[in-house]
Amino acid sequence: MSWLIRIFSSSIGKKLLMAFTGLSFIGFLCAHLAGNLTLYKGGAAFNAYAEKLHSLGSLLTVFEFGLLALALIHITTGIILFVQNLKARSVPYENDRSAGGRTLSSVTMPYTGIIILAFVILHLINFSFVDKTQRTIFEIVSAAFANPVYLVIYVFVMIIVALHIRHGFWSAFQTIGANHPRYMPALRVLSVIASLIFGFGFGLLPIYLWAIG
């Protein structure tokens, strides 16, 4: 067990944790987006999807606690790495802006992560921690997106999510050993495609519901 602690106490170990948890969340987003796309089929289809999820019972609870654990690991490790990078930086950021192929996605990762965390809490309050006895989940979602303020916030955060994935996706594969001239160009293109899929996939849903409402 001590060797495992030593590995994940190191910088590369923390980066591996970030890569593993980050890719796990991308997998979750794929499943979540697939489920949310049933909104285009109408309220009955979306409610049926939600009921099927809740029918999993304790299995769903275990999955939710697993996501919570992954989130805590990802956030805590990200904060530690961010602080370590700040302490290790010998050159002021203004003079090191283009070093190492820095992009908007890479330099804003800690901040986009904080925004996403705050949004997830707001999202859970609006959709999970609400009374579902009088309304269906489709009615709850439709009512939330009928509020133009929440709609704008949601679409804005989906842009932030796309920006976060734009760097995080290929960076995770780089961390786990795919840093090869043959693979990295394709992974960078794939990261752009993934960010667009999630950005547009999630971002257009509330606009659609607002338009038909």
N, C-alpha and C. Protein backbone atom coordinates (compact mmCIF):
# COMPACT_ATOMS: atom_id res chain seq x y z
N MET A 1 0.82 -1.20 0.00
CA MET A 1 0.00 0.00 0.00
C MET A 1 0.86 1.27 0.00
N SER A 2 2.05 1.17 0.67
CA SER A 2 2.92 2.34 0.75
C SER A 2 3.41 2.78 -0.62
N TRP A 3 3.67 1.80 -1.52
CA TRP A 3 4.13 2.15 -2.87
C TRP A 3 3.04 2.90 -3.63
N LEU A 4 1.78 2.54 -3.36
CA LEU A 4 0.68 3.21 -4.03
C LEU A 4 0.56 4.65 -3.54
N ILE A 5 0.75 4.84 -2.23
CA ILE A 5 0.71 6.18 -1.66
C ILE A 5 1.83 7.03 -2.22
N ARG A 6 3.04 6.43 -2.37
CA ARG A 6 4.18 7.17 -2.90
C ARG A 6 3.93 7.60 -4.34
N ILE A 7 3.34 6.70 -5.14
CA ILE A 7 3.07 7.01 -6.54
C ILE A 7 2.12 8.20 -6.66
N PHE A 8 1.03 8.14 -5.90
CA PHE A 8 0.02 9.18 -6.04
C PHE A 8 0.33 10.42 -5.20
N SER A 9 1.44 10.37 -4.47
CA SER A 9 1.93 11.57 -3.80
C SER A 9 2.86 12.35 -4.72
N SER A 10 3.33 11.69 -5.78
CA SER A 10 4.23 12.34 -6.73
C SER A 10 3.44 13.18 -7.72
N SER A 11 4.15 14.02 -8.44
CA SER A 11 3.50 14.88 -9.42
C SER A 11 2.86 14.06 -10.54
N ILE A 12 3.58 13.06 -11.05
CA ILE A 12 3.04 12.23 -12.13
C ILE A 12 1.85 11.41 -11.64
N GLY A 13 1.92 10.99 -10.37
CA GLY A 13 0.80 10.24 -9.81
C GLY A 13 -0.46 11.08 -9.75
N LYS A 14 -0.31 12.34 -9.35
CA LYS A 14 -1.45 13.25 -9.29
C LYS A 14 -2.01 13.50 -10.69
N LYS A 15 -1.10 13.62 -11.65
CA LYS A 15 -1.56 13.84 -13.03
C LYS A 15 -2.30 12.62 -13.56
N LEU A 16 -1.86 11.43 -13.16
CA LEU A 16 -2.56 10.21 -13.56
C LEU A 16 -3.96 10.17 -12.94
N LEU A 17 -4.06 10.62 -11.69
CA LEU A 17 -5.37 10.69 -11.04
C LEU A 17 -6.28 11.65 -11.80
N MET A 18 -5.73 12.80 -12.18
CA MET A 18 -6.51 13.78 -12.94
C MET A 18 -6.96 13.19 -14.27
N ALA A 19 -6.05 12.47 -14.93
CA ALA A 19 -6.38 11.88 -16.23
C ALA A 19 -7.48 10.82 -16.08
N PHE A 20 -7.34 9.94 -15.10
CA PHE A 20 -8.31 8.87 -14.91
C PHE A 20 -9.69 9.43 -14.56
N THR A 21 -9.72 10.33 -13.59
CA THR A 21 -11.02 10.90 -13.18
C THR A 21 -11.62 11.76 -14.29
N GLY A 22 -10.76 12.49 -15.02
CA GLY A 22 -11.26 13.32 -16.10
C GLY A 22 -11.88 12.49 -17.22
N LEU A 23 -11.21 11.41 -17.62
CA LEU A 23 -11.76 10.54 -18.66
C LEU A 23 -13.02 9.83 -18.18
N SER A 24 -13.08 9.53 -16.88
CA SER A 24 -14.29 8.93 -16.32
C SER A 24 -15.47 9.88 -16.45
N PHE A 25 -15.23 11.16 -16.20
CA PHE A 25 -16.31 12.14 -16.31
C PHE A 25 -16.73 12.35 -17.76
N ILE A 26 -15.78 12.24 -18.69
CA ILE A 26 -16.15 12.34 -20.10
C ILE A 26 -17.04 11.16 -20.48
N GLY A 27 -16.74 9.99 -19.95
CA GLY A 27 -17.61 8.83 -20.16
C GLY A 27 -19.01 9.07 -19.60
N PHE A 28 -19.05 9.67 -18.40
CA PHE A 28 -20.34 9.99 -17.79
C PHE A 28 -21.11 11.00 -18.65
N LEU A 29 -20.41 12.01 -19.17
CA LEU A 29 -21.06 13.02 -20.00
C LEU A 29 -21.65 12.40 -21.27
N CYS A 30 -20.96 11.41 -21.82
CA CYS A 30 -21.48 10.71 -23.00
C CYS A 30 -22.82 10.06 -22.68
N ALA A 31 -22.88 9.34 -21.55
CA ALA A 31 -24.11 8.67 -21.15
C ALA A 31 -25.20 9.69 -20.81
N HIS A 32 -24.81 10.76 -20.13
CA HIS A 32 -25.76 11.79 -19.72
C HIS A 32 -26.35 12.51 -20.94
N LEU A 33 -25.50 12.80 -21.90
CA LEU A 33 -25.97 13.46 -23.11
C LEU A 33 -26.91 12.56 -23.89
N ALA A 34 -26.57 11.27 -23.99
CA ALA A 34 -27.43 10.33 -24.70
C ALA A 34 -28.82 10.28 -24.07
N GLY A 35 -28.87 10.31 -22.74
CA GLY A 35 -30.15 10.31 -22.06
C GLY A 35 -30.91 11.61 -22.27
N ASN A 36 -30.20 12.72 -22.20
CA ASN A 36 -30.84 14.03 -22.35
C ASN A 36 -31.39 14.25 -23.76
N LEU A 37 -30.80 13.58 -24.73
CA LEU A 37 -31.27 13.75 -26.11
C LEU A 37 -32.69 13.22 -26.31
N THR A 38 -33.18 12.42 -25.34
CA THR A 38 -34.57 11.96 -25.43
C THR A 38 -35.55 13.11 -25.26
N LEU A 39 -35.06 14.26 -24.81
CA LEU A 39 -35.92 15.45 -24.71
C LEU A 39 -36.49 15.82 -26.08
N TYR A 40 -35.73 15.54 -27.13
CA TYR A 40 -36.20 15.87 -28.47
C TYR A 40 -37.40 15.00 -28.87
N LYS A 41 -37.59 13.87 -28.18
CA LYS A 41 -38.73 12.99 -28.47
C LYS A 41 -39.98 13.38 -27.68
N GLY A 42 -39.82 14.35 -26.77
CA GLY A 42 -40.97 14.80 -26.01
C GLY A 42 -40.94 14.38 -24.55
N GLY A 43 -41.93 14.87 -23.79
CA GLY A 43 -41.97 14.64 -22.36
C GLY A 43 -42.09 13.18 -21.97
N ALA A 44 -42.91 12.42 -22.70
CA ALA A 44 -43.12 11.02 -22.35
C ALA A 44 -41.82 10.22 -22.45
N ALA A 45 -41.05 10.46 -23.50
CA ALA A 45 -39.79 9.74 -23.70
C ALA A 45 -38.78 10.12 -22.62
N PHE A 46 -38.71 11.40 -22.28
CA PHE A 46 -37.75 11.84 -21.26
C PHE A 46 -38.14 11.32 -19.88
N ASN A 47 -39.43 11.35 -19.57
CA ASN A 47 -39.89 10.82 -18.29
C ASN A 47 -39.63 9.33 -18.18
N ALA A 48 -39.81 8.62 -19.30
CA ALA A 48 -39.54 7.17 -19.31
C ALA A 48 -38.06 6.90 -19.05
N TYR A 49 -37.21 7.74 -19.65
CA TYR A 49 -35.76 7.61 -19.42
C TYR A 49 -35.43 7.83 -17.95
N ALA A 50 -36.02 8.88 -17.35
CA ALA A 50 -35.76 9.19 -15.94
C ALA A 50 -36.27 8.06 -15.03
N GLU A 51 -37.44 7.52 -15.34
CA GLU A 51 -37.99 6.42 -14.54
C GLU A 51 -37.12 5.17 -14.64
N LYS A 52 -36.58 4.93 -15.83
CA LYS A 52 -35.70 3.78 -15.99
C LYS A 52 -34.45 3.92 -15.15
N LEU A 53 -33.92 5.14 -15.07
CA LEU A 53 -32.76 5.39 -14.22
C LEU A 53 -33.08 5.13 -12.76
N HIS A 54 -34.20 5.67 -12.30
CA HIS A 54 -34.56 5.52 -10.89
C HIS A 54 -34.93 4.08 -10.54
N SER A 55 -35.32 3.29 -11.55
CA SER A 55 -35.64 1.89 -11.30
C SER A 55 -34.40 1.07 -10.95
N LEU A 56 -33.22 1.64 -11.20
CA LEU A 56 -31.98 0.95 -10.86
C LEU A 56 -31.76 0.88 -9.36
N GLY A 57 -32.45 1.76 -8.63
CA GLY A 57 -32.42 1.72 -7.17
C GLY A 57 -31.04 1.89 -6.57
N SER A 58 -30.62 0.89 -5.78
CA SER A 58 -29.35 0.98 -5.06
C SER A 58 -28.16 1.05 -6.01
N LEU A 59 -28.30 0.47 -7.20
CA LEU A 59 -27.21 0.53 -8.18
C LEU A 59 -26.96 1.98 -8.61
N LEU A 60 -28.04 2.73 -8.78
CA LEU A 60 -27.91 4.14 -9.13
C LEU A 60 -27.26 4.92 -7.99
N THR A 61 -27.63 4.57 -6.75
CA THR A 61 -27.03 5.24 -5.58
C THR A 61 -25.53 5.01 -5.52
N VAL A 62 -25.12 3.76 -5.76
CA VAL A 62 -23.69 3.44 -5.78
C VAL A 62 -22.98 4.23 -6.87
N PHE A 63 -23.61 4.32 -8.03
CA PHE A 63 -23.03 5.07 -9.15
C PHE A 63 -22.88 6.55 -8.78
N GLU A 64 -23.90 7.12 -8.13
CA GLU A 64 -23.85 8.53 -7.74
C GLU A 64 -22.76 8.78 -6.72
N PHE A 65 -22.59 7.88 -5.75
CA PHE A 65 -21.51 8.04 -4.78
C PHE A 65 -20.15 7.87 -5.44
N GLY A 66 -20.09 7.00 -6.44
CA GLY A 66 -18.85 6.85 -7.19
C GLY A 66 -18.48 8.13 -7.92
N LEU A 67 -19.48 8.76 -8.53
CA LEU A 67 -19.25 10.04 -9.20
C LEU A 67 -18.79 11.10 -8.21
N LEU A 68 -19.40 11.10 -7.03
CA LEU A 68 -19.02 12.07 -6.00
C LEU A 68 -17.57 11.86 -5.58
N ALA A 69 -17.17 10.60 -5.42
CA ALA A 69 -15.78 10.30 -5.03
C ALA A 69 -14.82 10.75 -6.12
N LEU A 70 -15.16 10.47 -7.38
CA LEU A 70 -14.31 10.89 -8.49
C LEU A 70 -14.19 12.41 -8.54
N ALA A 71 -15.31 13.08 -8.28
CA ALA A 71 -15.31 14.55 -8.30
C ALA A 71 -14.40 15.11 -7.21
N LEU A 72 -14.49 14.55 -6.01
CA LEU A 72 -13.66 15.01 -4.90
C LEU A 72 -12.18 14.80 -5.21
N ILE A 73 -11.85 13.64 -5.78
CA ILE A 73 -10.46 13.35 -6.15
C ILE A 73 -9.98 14.32 -7.22
N HIS A 74 -10.81 14.52 -8.26
CA HIS A 74 -10.43 15.39 -9.37
C HIS A 74 -10.22 16.83 -8.89
N ILE A 75 -11.14 17.31 -8.08
CA ILE A 75 -11.07 18.70 -7.61
C ILE A 75 -9.89 18.90 -6.67
N THR A 76 -9.74 18.00 -5.70
CA THR A 76 -8.66 18.12 -4.72
C THR A 76 -7.30 18.03 -5.41
N THR A 77 -7.15 17.05 -6.30
CA THR A 77 -5.88 16.88 -7.00
C THR A 77 -5.59 18.08 -7.89
N GLY A 78 -6.61 18.59 -8.55
CA GLY A 78 -6.44 19.75 -9.41
C GLY A 78 -5.97 20.97 -8.64
N ILE A 79 -6.56 21.17 -7.46
CA ILE A 79 -6.16 22.32 -6.62
C ILE A 79 -4.70 22.17 -6.18
N ILE A 80 -4.34 20.95 -5.76
CA ILE A 80 -2.96 20.71 -5.31
C ILE A 80 -1.97 20.99 -6.44
N LEU A 81 -2.26 20.47 -7.63
CA LEU A 81 -1.36 20.68 -8.78
C LEU A 81 -1.29 22.15 -9.15
N PHE A 82 -2.42 22.85 -9.08
CA PHE A 82 -2.44 24.27 -9.41
C PHE A 82 -1.56 25.07 -8.45
N VAL A 83 -1.68 24.78 -7.16
CA VAL A 83 -0.85 25.47 -6.15
C VAL A 83 0.62 25.13 -6.35
N GLN A 84 0.92 23.87 -6.63
CA GLN A 84 2.32 23.47 -6.85
C GLN A 84 2.91 24.16 -8.08
N ASN A 85 2.10 24.30 -9.13
CA ASN A 85 2.57 24.98 -10.35
C ASN A 85 2.83 26.45 -10.09
N LEU A 86 1.98 27.07 -9.28
CA LEU A 86 2.18 28.49 -8.93
C LEU A 86 3.50 28.68 -8.17
N LYS A 87 3.77 27.76 -7.24
CA LYS A 87 4.99 27.87 -6.44
C LYS A 87 6.23 27.60 -7.28
N ALA A 88 6.08 26.69 -8.28
CA ALA A 88 7.23 26.30 -9.10
C ALA A 88 7.52 27.28 -10.22
N ARG A 89 6.57 28.15 -10.52
CA ARG A 89 6.75 29.05 -11.66
C ARG A 89 7.76 30.14 -11.31
N SER A 90 8.87 30.13 -12.01
CA SER A 90 9.93 31.10 -11.73
C SER A 90 9.82 32.33 -12.61
N VAL A 91 9.09 32.20 -13.75
CA VAL A 91 8.95 33.31 -14.68
C VAL A 91 7.53 33.84 -14.57
N PRO A 92 7.34 35.14 -14.44
CA PRO A 92 5.99 35.69 -14.37
C PRO A 92 5.15 35.27 -15.56
N TYR A 93 3.86 35.05 -15.32
CA TYR A 93 2.97 34.55 -16.37
C TYR A 93 2.95 35.47 -17.59
N GLU A 94 3.06 36.79 -17.36
CA GLU A 94 3.00 37.73 -18.48
C GLU A 94 4.13 37.50 -19.46
N ASN A 95 5.27 37.02 -18.96
CA ASN A 95 6.42 36.81 -19.82
C ASN A 95 6.52 35.37 -20.33
N ASP A 96 5.56 34.54 -19.90
CA ASP A 96 5.63 33.13 -20.25
C ASP A 96 4.34 32.68 -20.93
N ARG A 97 3.66 33.63 -21.53
CA ARG A 97 2.33 33.41 -22.05
C ARG A 97 2.28 32.34 -23.13
N SER A 98 3.30 32.28 -23.99
CA SER A 98 3.26 31.35 -25.11
C SER A 98 4.11 30.11 -24.89
N ALA A 99 4.65 29.97 -23.69
CA ALA A 99 5.55 28.84 -23.44
C ALA A 99 4.77 27.53 -23.44
N GLY A 100 5.37 26.50 -24.01
CA GLY A 100 4.80 25.17 -23.95
C GLY A 100 3.50 25.02 -24.71
N GLY A 101 3.27 25.86 -25.72
CA GLY A 101 2.04 25.73 -26.48
C GLY A 101 0.80 26.06 -25.68
N ARG A 102 0.90 27.04 -24.79
CA ARG A 102 -0.24 27.39 -23.94
C ARG A 102 -1.38 27.93 -24.79
N THR A 103 -2.58 27.52 -24.44
CA THR A 103 -3.77 27.96 -25.14
C THR A 103 -4.76 28.52 -24.13
N LEU A 104 -5.83 29.11 -24.65
CA LEU A 104 -6.88 29.62 -23.76
C LEU A 104 -7.44 28.50 -22.90
N SER A 105 -7.63 27.33 -23.51
CA SER A 105 -8.17 26.19 -22.76
C SER A 105 -7.24 25.76 -21.64
N SER A 106 -5.94 25.72 -21.92
CA SER A 106 -4.98 25.22 -20.93
C SER A 106 -4.79 26.19 -19.77
N VAL A 107 -4.68 27.48 -20.07
CA VAL A 107 -4.40 28.44 -19.00
C VAL A 107 -5.62 28.73 -18.14
N THR A 108 -6.81 28.41 -18.64
CA THR A 108 -8.03 28.68 -17.86
C THR A 108 -8.58 27.43 -17.19
N MET A 109 -7.89 26.29 -17.28
CA MET A 109 -8.41 25.04 -16.72
C MET A 109 -8.84 25.16 -15.26
N PRO A 110 -8.03 25.74 -14.36
CA PRO A 110 -8.47 25.83 -12.96
C PRO A 110 -9.74 26.66 -12.80
N TYR A 111 -9.85 27.73 -13.59
CA TYR A 111 -10.98 28.65 -13.44
C TYR A 111 -12.25 28.09 -14.06
N THR A 112 -12.10 27.44 -15.23
CA THR A 112 -13.27 26.80 -15.82
C THR A 112 -13.74 25.65 -14.94
N GLY A 113 -12.80 24.98 -14.28
CA GLY A 113 -13.16 23.91 -13.36
C GLY A 113 -14.00 24.42 -12.20
N ILE A 114 -13.62 25.58 -11.65
CA ILE A 114 -14.37 26.18 -10.54
C ILE A 114 -15.78 26.56 -10.99
N ILE A 115 -15.88 27.13 -12.19
CA ILE A 115 -17.19 27.51 -12.72
C ILE A 115 -18.07 26.28 -12.91
N ILE A 116 -17.49 25.21 -13.44
CA ILE A 116 -18.25 23.97 -13.65
C ILE A 116 -18.72 23.39 -12.32
N LEU A 117 -17.86 23.43 -11.29
CA LEU A 117 -18.23 22.93 -9.97
C LEU A 117 -19.41 23.72 -9.40
N ALA A 118 -19.34 25.04 -9.50
CA ALA A 118 -20.43 25.88 -9.00
C ALA A 118 -21.73 25.59 -9.74
N PHE A 119 -21.61 25.37 -11.05
CA PHE A 119 -22.80 25.08 -11.85
C PHE A 119 -23.40 23.74 -11.48
N VAL A 120 -22.55 22.73 -11.25
CA VAL A 120 -23.06 21.40 -10.89
C VAL A 120 -23.89 21.48 -9.61
N ILE A 121 -23.42 22.27 -8.65
CA ILE A 121 -24.17 22.45 -7.40
C ILE A 121 -25.52 23.10 -7.70
N LEU A 122 -25.52 24.15 -8.52
CA LEU A 122 -26.76 24.82 -8.90
C LEU A 122 -27.68 23.87 -9.67
N HIS A 123 -27.09 23.07 -10.54
CA HIS A 123 -27.85 22.12 -11.36
C HIS A 123 -28.54 21.08 -10.48
N LEU A 124 -27.82 20.58 -9.48
CA LEU A 124 -28.39 19.59 -8.57
C LEU A 124 -29.53 20.19 -7.76
N ILE A 125 -29.35 21.43 -7.33
CA ILE A 125 -30.40 22.10 -6.56
C ILE A 125 -31.68 22.24 -7.39
N ASN A 126 -31.51 22.56 -8.67
CA ASN A 126 -32.66 22.79 -9.55
C ASN A 126 -33.35 21.52 -10.01
N PHE A 127 -32.58 20.43 -10.18
CA PHE A 127 -33.16 19.24 -10.79
C PHE A 127 -33.19 17.99 -9.90
N SER A 128 -32.27 17.89 -8.96
CA SER A 128 -32.22 16.69 -8.13
C SER A 128 -32.87 16.90 -6.76
N PHE A 129 -32.53 18.02 -6.11
CA PHE A 129 -33.02 18.28 -4.76
C PHE A 129 -34.30 19.11 -4.79
N VAL A 130 -35.27 18.65 -5.56
CA VAL A 130 -36.56 19.34 -5.66
C VAL A 130 -37.67 18.32 -5.45
N ASP A 131 -38.84 18.83 -5.12
CA ASP A 131 -40.00 17.97 -4.91
C ASP A 131 -40.51 17.47 -6.26
N LYS A 132 -40.47 16.15 -6.43
CA LYS A 132 -40.92 15.56 -7.69
C LYS A 132 -42.28 14.87 -7.56
N THR A 133 -42.94 15.10 -6.45
CA THR A 133 -44.23 14.42 -6.23
C THR A 133 -45.36 15.05 -7.02
N GLN A 134 -45.28 16.35 -7.29
CA GLN A 134 -46.36 17.05 -7.98
C GLN A 134 -46.09 17.27 -9.46
N ARG A 135 -44.83 17.14 -9.87
CA ARG A 135 -44.46 17.41 -11.27
C ARG A 135 -43.57 16.30 -11.79
N THR A 136 -43.64 16.08 -13.10
CA THR A 136 -42.73 15.12 -13.72
C THR A 136 -41.38 15.80 -13.93
N ILE A 137 -40.35 15.00 -14.18
CA ILE A 137 -39.03 15.56 -14.40
C ILE A 137 -39.01 16.43 -15.65
N PHE A 138 -39.80 16.07 -16.65
CA PHE A 138 -39.87 16.89 -17.86
C PHE A 138 -40.46 18.26 -17.54
N GLU A 139 -41.48 18.30 -16.70
CA GLU A 139 -42.08 19.58 -16.32
C GLU A 139 -41.10 20.43 -15.51
N ILE A 140 -40.31 19.78 -14.66
CA ILE A 140 -39.31 20.50 -13.87
C ILE A 140 -38.25 21.11 -14.78
N VAL A 141 -37.76 20.31 -15.72
CA VAL A 141 -36.73 20.78 -16.65
C VAL A 141 -37.28 21.91 -17.53
N SER A 142 -38.48 21.73 -18.04
CA SER A 142 -39.08 22.74 -18.92
C SER A 142 -39.28 24.06 -18.17
N ALA A 143 -39.71 23.97 -16.92
CA ALA A 143 -39.93 25.18 -16.12
C ALA A 143 -38.61 25.90 -15.85
N ALA A 144 -37.55 25.13 -15.60
CA ALA A 144 -36.24 25.74 -15.33
C ALA A 144 -35.74 26.49 -16.55
N PHE A 145 -35.88 25.90 -17.72
CA PHE A 145 -35.36 26.54 -18.93
C PHE A 145 -36.31 27.60 -19.48
N ALA A 146 -37.51 27.70 -18.91
CA ALA A 146 -38.40 28.80 -19.28
C ALA A 146 -37.91 30.10 -18.66
N ASN A 147 -37.04 29.97 -17.65
CA ASN A 147 -36.42 31.15 -17.02
C ASN A 147 -35.24 31.57 -17.88
N PRO A 148 -35.30 32.75 -18.52
CA PRO A 148 -34.22 33.16 -19.43
C PRO A 148 -32.87 33.31 -18.73
N VAL A 149 -32.89 33.66 -17.45
CA VAL A 149 -31.63 33.82 -16.72
C VAL A 149 -30.92 32.48 -16.59
N TYR A 150 -31.68 31.46 -16.17
CA TYR A 150 -31.07 30.14 -16.04
C TYR A 150 -30.67 29.58 -17.39
N LEU A 151 -31.45 29.86 -18.41
CA LEU A 151 -31.11 29.38 -19.76
C LEU A 151 -29.77 29.96 -20.21
N VAL A 152 -29.58 31.26 -20.01
CA VAL A 152 -28.33 31.91 -20.41
C VAL A 152 -27.15 31.35 -19.61
N ILE A 153 -27.36 31.17 -18.30
CA ILE A 153 -26.31 30.61 -17.45
C ILE A 153 -25.93 29.21 -17.93
N TYR A 154 -26.94 28.40 -18.23
CA TYR A 154 -26.70 27.02 -18.67
C TYR A 154 -25.91 26.98 -19.97
N VAL A 155 -26.34 27.78 -20.95
CA VAL A 155 -25.64 27.79 -22.25
C VAL A 155 -24.21 28.29 -22.07
N PHE A 156 -24.03 29.33 -21.25
CA PHE A 156 -22.69 29.87 -21.00
C PHE A 156 -21.79 28.80 -20.38
N VAL A 157 -22.31 28.07 -19.40
CA VAL A 157 -21.49 27.05 -18.74
C VAL A 157 -21.18 25.90 -19.69
N MET A 158 -22.08 25.59 -20.62
CA MET A 158 -21.78 24.54 -21.60
C MET A 158 -20.61 24.95 -22.50
N ILE A 159 -20.50 26.26 -22.77
CA ILE A 159 -19.34 26.76 -23.51
C ILE A 159 -18.07 26.55 -22.67
N ILE A 160 -18.20 26.82 -21.37
CA ILE A 160 -17.08 26.62 -20.46
C ILE A 160 -16.69 25.15 -20.40
N VAL A 161 -17.70 24.27 -20.36
CA VAL A 161 -17.44 22.82 -20.36
C VAL A 161 -16.68 22.42 -21.62
N ALA A 162 -17.12 22.94 -22.76
CA ALA A 162 -16.43 22.63 -24.02
C ALA A 162 -14.98 23.10 -23.98
N LEU A 163 -14.75 24.26 -23.41
CA LEU A 163 -13.40 24.80 -23.30
C LEU A 163 -12.55 23.91 -22.40
N HIS A 164 -13.14 23.45 -21.31
CA HIS A 164 -12.43 22.59 -20.35
C HIS A 164 -12.06 21.26 -21.00
N ILE A 165 -13.00 20.67 -21.73
CA ILE A 165 -12.76 19.39 -22.39
C ILE A 165 -11.76 19.53 -23.53
N ARG A 166 -11.79 20.69 -24.18
CA ARG A 166 -10.88 20.94 -25.31
C ARG A 166 -9.43 20.67 -24.93
N HIS A 167 -9.04 21.07 -23.73
CA HIS A 167 -7.67 20.80 -23.28
C HIS A 167 -7.57 19.49 -22.50
N GLY A 168 -8.56 19.25 -21.62
CA GLY A 168 -8.48 18.11 -20.72
C GLY A 168 -8.46 16.77 -21.43
N PHE A 169 -9.17 16.66 -22.55
CA PHE A 169 -9.29 15.38 -23.25
C PHE A 169 -7.93 14.90 -23.75
N TRP A 170 -7.27 15.71 -24.58
CA TRP A 170 -5.99 15.24 -25.13
C TRP A 170 -4.90 15.22 -24.06
N SER A 171 -5.01 16.13 -23.07
CA SER A 171 -4.02 16.16 -21.99
C SER A 171 -4.06 14.87 -21.17
N ALA A 172 -5.27 14.34 -20.96
CA ALA A 172 -5.40 13.09 -20.21
C ALA A 172 -4.71 11.94 -20.94
N PHE A 173 -4.92 11.87 -22.24
CA PHE A 173 -4.27 10.80 -23.02
C PHE A 173 -2.76 10.99 -23.06
N GLN A 174 -2.33 12.23 -23.09
CA GLN A 174 -0.89 12.51 -23.05
C GLN A 174 -0.30 12.00 -21.74
N THR A 175 -1.02 12.23 -20.65
CA THR A 175 -0.55 11.81 -19.33
C THR A 175 -0.41 10.30 -19.21
N ILE A 176 -1.34 9.56 -19.83
CA ILE A 176 -1.31 8.11 -19.68
C ILE A 176 -0.40 7.44 -20.72
N GLY A 177 0.32 8.26 -21.50
CA GLY A 177 1.36 7.69 -22.35
C GLY A 177 1.13 7.76 -23.84
N ALA A 178 0.12 8.50 -24.28
CA ALA A 178 -0.16 8.58 -25.72
C ALA A 178 0.55 9.77 -26.37
N ASN A 179 1.57 10.30 -25.69
CA ASN A 179 2.30 11.46 -26.20
C ASN A 179 3.29 11.02 -27.28
N HIS A 180 2.76 10.80 -28.47
CA HIS A 180 3.58 10.32 -29.59
C HIS A 180 3.21 11.14 -30.82
N PRO A 181 4.21 11.53 -31.63
CA PRO A 181 3.92 12.34 -32.83
C PRO A 181 2.88 11.72 -33.75
N ARG A 182 2.76 10.40 -33.70
CA ARG A 182 1.81 9.72 -34.58
C ARG A 182 0.37 9.88 -34.08
N TYR A 183 0.23 9.96 -32.74
CA TYR A 183 -1.12 9.95 -32.17
C TYR A 183 -1.63 11.32 -31.75
N MET A 184 -0.74 12.19 -31.25
CA MET A 184 -1.18 13.43 -30.64
C MET A 184 -1.94 14.35 -31.59
N PRO A 185 -1.53 14.49 -32.87
CA PRO A 185 -2.34 15.35 -33.76
C PRO A 185 -3.78 14.87 -33.87
N ALA A 186 -3.96 13.55 -33.97
CA ALA A 186 -5.32 13.00 -34.06
C ALA A 186 -6.08 13.21 -32.76
N LEU A 187 -5.40 13.06 -31.62
CA LEU A 187 -6.05 13.26 -30.34
C LEU A 187 -6.45 14.71 -30.12
N ARG A 188 -5.62 15.63 -30.62
CA ARG A 188 -5.96 17.05 -30.51
C ARG A 188 -7.20 17.37 -31.35
N VAL A 189 -7.27 16.79 -32.53
CA VAL A 189 -8.46 16.99 -33.36
C VAL A 189 -9.68 16.36 -32.69
N LEU A 190 -9.49 15.17 -32.13
CA LEU A 190 -10.58 14.48 -31.45
C LEU A 190 -11.06 15.27 -30.24
N SER A 191 -10.13 15.95 -29.56
CA SER A 191 -10.51 16.75 -28.40
C SER A 191 -11.38 17.93 -28.82
N VAL A 192 -11.08 18.52 -29.98
CA VAL A 192 -11.92 19.61 -30.50
C VAL A 192 -13.31 19.08 -30.85
N ILE A 193 -13.34 17.93 -31.50
CA ILE A 193 -14.63 17.33 -31.87
C ILE A 193 -15.45 17.01 -30.63
N ALA A 194 -14.80 16.43 -29.61
CA ALA A 194 -15.50 16.09 -28.37
C ALA A 194 -16.05 17.34 -27.69
N SER A 195 -15.24 18.41 -27.66
CA SER A 195 -15.69 19.65 -27.01
C SER A 195 -16.89 20.23 -27.75
N LEU A 196 -16.89 20.15 -29.07
CA LEU A 196 -18.02 20.67 -29.85
C LEU A 196 -19.28 19.82 -29.65
N ILE A 197 -19.09 18.50 -29.58
CA ILE A 197 -20.23 17.62 -29.36
C ILE A 197 -20.91 17.93 -28.03
N PHE A 198 -20.10 18.04 -26.97
CA PHE A 198 -20.67 18.31 -25.66
C PHE A 198 -21.22 19.74 -25.56
N GLY A 199 -20.48 20.68 -26.12
CA GLY A 199 -20.93 22.07 -26.07
C GLY A 199 -22.26 22.28 -26.77
N PHE A 200 -22.34 21.80 -28.02
CA PHE A 200 -23.58 21.95 -28.78
C PHE A 200 -24.66 20.97 -28.30
N GLY A 201 -24.23 19.74 -27.96
CA GLY A 201 -25.19 18.73 -27.54
C GLY A 201 -25.99 19.16 -26.32
N PHE A 202 -25.29 19.63 -25.29
CA PHE A 202 -25.96 20.10 -24.09
C PHE A 202 -26.52 21.51 -24.26
N GLY A 203 -25.78 22.37 -24.94
CA GLY A 203 -26.16 23.77 -25.04
C GLY A 203 -27.41 24.04 -25.85
N LEU A 204 -27.68 23.20 -26.86
CA LEU A 204 -28.85 23.43 -27.71
C LEU A 204 -30.15 22.92 -27.08
N LEU A 205 -30.05 21.98 -26.14
CA LEU A 205 -31.25 21.41 -25.53
C LEU A 205 -32.14 22.45 -24.84
N PRO A 206 -31.58 23.30 -23.96
CA PRO A 206 -32.45 24.30 -23.32
C PRO A 206 -33.03 25.31 -24.30
N ILE A 207 -32.27 25.62 -25.35
CA ILE A 207 -32.77 26.55 -26.36
C ILE A 207 -33.97 25.92 -27.08
N TYR A 208 -33.86 24.63 -27.35
CA TYR A 208 -34.97 23.91 -28.01
C TYR A 208 -36.21 23.91 -27.11
N LEU A 209 -36.03 23.60 -25.83
CA LEU A 209 -37.17 23.57 -24.91
C LEU A 209 -37.80 24.94 -24.75
N TRP A 210 -36.95 25.95 -24.70
CA TRP A 210 -37.46 27.32 -24.59
C TRP A 210 -38.24 27.70 -25.85
N ALA A 211 -37.75 27.29 -27.01
CA ALA A 211 -38.39 27.64 -28.28
C ALA A 211 -39.77 26.97 -28.42
N ILE A 212 -39.87 25.71 -28.00
CA ILE A 212 -41.15 25.01 -28.14
C ILE A 212 -42.11 25.32 -26.99
N GLY A 213 -41.53 25.91 -25.91
CA GLY A 213 -42.39 26.24 -24.76
C GLY A 213 -43.23 27.45 -25.01
